Structures are given as structure tokens and as C-alpha cells.
């Protein structure tokens, strides 16, 4: 019975995708403020809670929706650098001309998908370890590209929110399967 449910879930339930942005909250210091570093680290850890609250506000979530529904500029064809060679007199000579990228406006990918702030809020989770300056924005959806695009938009929005702090961002995408207890509900 359990084996049949597992096989059914693998065949009939599509995989869920998860993309995440890891962020490090860290103030920049100059050498004259060495004694303040510990206090600043503690303040950075405490401010993560505020960032978690800010990220889940409708104003931020709506900004993410707006960005996802914006037409995007795509290079068609991509830029090609000119090629050079050295002639017998040791002079650099252009052997092939290059050209700049030509851009085409593409329609928004998610315009007709019914994305709103509540949908985006249901896709994301935010976590961090106790006393850590790192926090993670995780995005889960049935569409790998959507998960990655939402995480990318959050990455850029969070960096602009954290203006005075140094943000180190890293994006990763992974395919995950629904866990067994989620499939039965």
C-alpha cells in the first residue's frame, strides 16, 4: 500500500522547485571602529527580524509582483567582440568586426498567472539560525523558472532595502519532491 502511494506520487505529482537567496547582513567598518564591531554584529543579528517583517509586507510583495510582470529586454543576437591578430610587423590587426547586442522587448512571463502579493507570500519562507548574520529567503513553486525569478527579484529588492549594509547574495535552485505527508493532505 505504501509502495503504491509512493509510486503514484512520483508519477502523478509534479516536482516542486525551490530557489533561495542567502544574505549576509554585515556593516562595513573602517579600522578606527574596531571596538564597535561586536556591538554592530549583535545589531545586525537583531535587525534580521526587522528585515523578515519588511520582506513580508504587501508593499515589498507587490513590488516583486510588479517586477515579475514587467516586459524584459533580451539580447538578440548577443554582442560579439571583434577579433584581432598580430601581423608580421607585430601590429595588432582586426580580423573580424564585432557588433553590439541588439535588444528585443519580450512580454512579461507571468502576467496571466494570477500572481499577487498573497500568492508570492505563500511561496516564500524566511529563516535564519540563532545569533547568525545570515538569513535565507526560500521560494517554492511548481515551476522552476518562477522559483528562480522570484528569488532573483527578492535578492535585488532586499539589497536595495538594506542600502547601508553590505549584502552578499547567492542564488541556488534545487528540485525537490513533495514530502509524503503533504501529498496525502
Protein backbone atom coordinates (compact mmCIF):
# COMPACT_ATOMS: atom_id res chain seq x y z
CA UNK A 1 0.00 0.00 0.00
CA UNK A 2 2.73 2.47 0.98
CA UNK A 3 4.79 1.49 -2.08
CA UNK A 4 1.76 2.12 -4.32
CA UNK A 5 1.28 5.60 -2.81
CA UNK A 6 4.94 6.44 -3.27
CA UNK A 7 4.89 5.28 -6.91
CA UNK A 8 1.68 7.18 -7.53
CA UNK A 9 3.15 10.34 -6.04
CA UNK A 10 6.27 10.07 -8.18
CA UNK A 11 4.23 9.59 -11.35
CA UNK A 12 1.27 11.92 -10.85
CA UNK A 13 2.52 14.77 -8.68
CA UNK A 14 4.88 17.16 -10.41
CA UNK A 15 8.11 18.03 -8.63
CA UNK A 16 8.26 21.19 -6.59
CA UNK A 17 11.18 23.55 -7.11
CA UNK A 18 12.96 25.63 -4.56
CA UNK A 19 15.20 28.62 -5.20
CA UNK A 20 16.79 30.60 -2.43
CA UNK A 21 18.81 33.71 -1.80
CA UNK A 22 21.29 33.62 1.08
CA UNK A 23 22.01 37.02 2.55
CA UNK A 24 24.69 38.20 4.92
CA UNK A 25 23.90 41.30 6.96
CA UNK A 26 27.21 42.93 7.76
CA UNK A 27 28.11 46.57 8.27
CA UNK A 28 31.26 47.88 6.68
CA UNK A 29 33.88 49.01 9.18
CA UNK A 30 36.91 51.18 8.94
CA UNK A 31 39.99 50.49 11.04
CA UNK A 32 39.16 53.22 13.58
CA UNK A 33 35.99 51.45 14.81
CA UNK A 34 37.47 48.10 15.90
CA UNK A 35 35.81 48.19 19.32
CA UNK A 36 32.35 48.65 17.86
CA UNK A 37 32.45 45.53 15.71
CA UNK A 38 30.93 43.18 18.30
CA UNK A 39 28.08 45.61 19.04
CA UNK A 40 27.47 46.06 15.31
CA UNK A 41 27.36 42.29 14.80
CA UNK A 42 24.74 42.00 17.55
CA UNK A 43 22.74 44.83 15.97
CA UNK A 44 22.99 43.09 12.57
CA UNK A 45 21.63 39.87 14.09
CA UNK A 46 18.76 41.77 15.69
CA UNK A 47 17.92 43.72 12.53
CA UNK A 48 17.33 40.47 10.61
CA UNK A 49 13.97 40.16 12.38
CA UNK A 50 13.04 43.57 11.07
CA UNK A 51 14.09 42.61 7.54
CA UNK A 52 12.00 39.45 7.79
CA UNK A 53 8.98 41.57 8.70
CA UNK A 54 9.68 44.11 5.95
CA UNK A 55 10.03 41.41 3.28
CA UNK A 56 6.58 40.01 4.07
CA UNK A 57 4.84 43.41 3.84
CA UNK A 58 2.45 43.95 0.90
CA UNK A 59 4.49 46.91 -0.36
CA UNK A 60 7.52 44.66 -0.95
CA UNK A 61 5.48 41.71 -2.20
CA UNK A 62 3.63 43.98 -4.65
CA UNK A 63 6.97 45.38 -5.87
CA UNK A 64 8.06 41.79 -6.57
CA UNK A 65 4.81 41.11 -8.47
CA UNK A 66 5.26 44.33 -10.46
CA UNK A 67 8.82 43.37 -11.38
CA UNK A 68 7.74 39.88 -12.47
CA UNK A 69 5.01 41.41 -14.66
CA UNK A 70 7.36 43.86 -16.38
CA UNK A 71 8.40 43.30 -20.02
CA UNK A 72 12.04 42.26 -20.20
CA UNK A 73 14.85 43.26 -22.55
CA UNK A 74 16.56 40.29 -24.21
CA UNK A 75 19.70 40.49 -26.40
CA UNK A 76 19.01 39.06 -29.90
CA UNK A 77 21.68 38.24 -31.08
CA UNK A 78 24.18 38.68 -28.26
CA UNK A 79 27.12 41.05 -28.62
CA UNK A 80 30.16 39.65 -30.40
CA UNK A 81 33.59 41.13 -29.68
CA UNK A 82 35.86 41.99 -32.58
CA UNK A 83 38.71 39.54 -33.22
CA UNK A 84 42.31 40.64 -33.57
CA UNK A 85 45.55 39.06 -34.71
CA UNK A 86 49.18 40.22 -34.84
CA UNK A 87 50.70 40.64 -38.33
CA UNK A 88 54.29 40.08 -39.38
CA UNK A 89 55.25 43.63 -38.27
CA UNK A 90 53.97 42.88 -34.72
CA UNK A 91 50.97 45.17 -35.17
CA UNK A 92 47.51 44.27 -33.93
CA UNK A 93 45.11 43.98 -36.84
CA UNK A 94 41.37 43.45 -36.71
CA UNK A 95 40.49 40.20 -38.49
CA UNK A 96 36.76 40.15 -37.81
CA UNK A 97 34.46 43.01 -36.85
CA UNK A 98 32.37 42.81 -33.74
CA UNK A 99 28.86 44.05 -33.17
CA UNK A 100 26.87 45.31 -30.25
CA UNK A 101 23.93 43.40 -28.88
CA UNK A 102 20.55 44.13 -30.37
CA UNK A 103 17.74 44.05 -27.83
CA UNK A 104 14.17 42.93 -28.21
CA UNK A 105 11.39 43.57 -25.70
CA UNK A 106 9.76 40.33 -24.59
CA UNK A 107 6.32 40.20 -22.98
CA UNK A 108 6.15 39.54 -19.25
CA UNK A 109 6.42 35.87 -18.41
CA UNK A 110 3.98 35.87 -15.51
CA UNK A 111 1.35 38.45 -16.50
CA UNK A 112 -1.53 35.97 -16.86
CA UNK A 113 -0.58 33.67 -13.99
CA UNK A 114 -2.64 35.42 -11.32
CA UNK A 115 0.37 36.46 -9.25
CA UNK A 116 -0.42 38.83 -6.42
CA UNK A 117 1.12 39.67 -3.05
CA UNK A 118 -0.74 36.83 -1.31
CA UNK A 119 0.43 34.25 -3.87
CA UNK A 120 4.04 35.39 -3.52
CA UNK A 121 3.74 35.40 0.29
CA UNK A 122 2.59 31.77 0.13
CA UNK A 123 5.63 30.84 -1.97
CA UNK A 124 8.30 32.26 0.32
CA UNK A 125 9.73 31.42 3.69
CA UNK A 126 12.45 33.26 5.56
CA UNK A 127 14.76 31.62 8.04
CA UNK A 128 17.98 32.12 9.94
CA UNK A 129 19.96 30.41 12.65
CA UNK A 130 20.10 31.85 16.14
CA UNK A 131 22.82 34.51 16.51
CA UNK A 132 23.71 34.31 12.82
CA UNK A 133 24.13 37.25 10.45
CA UNK A 134 22.92 35.07 7.57
CA UNK A 135 19.33 34.69 6.58
CA UNK A 136 17.68 32.78 3.78
CA UNK A 137 14.76 33.69 1.55
CA UNK A 138 13.43 30.43 0.14
CA UNK A 139 10.91 30.35 -2.73
CA UNK A 140 8.97 27.17 -3.55
CA UNK A 141 6.71 26.63 -6.54
CA UNK A 142 5.77 24.01 -9.13
CA UNK A 143 7.67 26.00 -11.79
CA UNK A 144 11.49 26.02 -11.61
CA UNK A 145 11.86 29.25 -13.59
CA UNK A 146 9.25 31.03 -11.47
CA UNK A 147 11.02 29.98 -8.25
CA UNK A 148 14.30 31.26 -9.60
CA UNK A 149 12.83 34.51 -10.95
CA UNK A 150 11.03 35.29 -7.68
CA UNK A 151 14.23 34.60 -5.70
CA UNK A 152 16.20 36.86 -8.08
CA UNK A 153 13.72 39.70 -7.66
CA UNK A 154 13.81 39.32 -3.87
CA UNK A 155 17.59 39.32 -4.00
CA UNK A 156 17.67 42.69 -5.76
CA UNK A 157 14.83 44.20 -3.71
CA UNK A 158 16.40 43.14 -0.41
CA UNK A 159 19.76 44.57 -1.45
CA UNK A 160 18.13 47.93 -2.16
CA UNK A 161 16.24 47.84 1.17
CA UNK A 162 19.48 47.16 3.03
CA UNK A 163 21.18 50.12 1.35
CA UNK A 164 23.68 50.94 4.08
CA UNK A 165 24.60 47.34 4.81
CA UNK A 166 26.80 45.05 2.81
CA UNK A 167 24.75 42.23 1.34
CA UNK A 168 26.40 39.20 -0.10
CA UNK A 169 23.91 37.28 -2.18
CA UNK A 170 23.96 33.81 -3.59
CA UNK A 171 21.20 32.15 -5.55
CA UNK A 172 20.69 28.44 -5.87
CA UNK A 173 17.96 26.35 -7.40
CA UNK A 174 17.10 22.81 -6.48
CA UNK A 175 14.42 20.35 -7.47
CA UNK A 176 12.58 18.86 -4.52
CA UNK A 177 9.80 16.35 -4.23
CA UNK A 178 6.75 16.93 -2.11
CA UNK A 179 7.10 15.12 1.11
CA UNK A 180 4.81 12.16 1.65
CA UNK A 181 2.62 13.76 4.32
CA UNK A 182 1.98 16.79 2.07
CA UNK A 183 0.72 14.56 -0.75
CA UNK A 184 -1.96 12.98 1.35
CA UNK A 185 -3.46 16.28 2.51
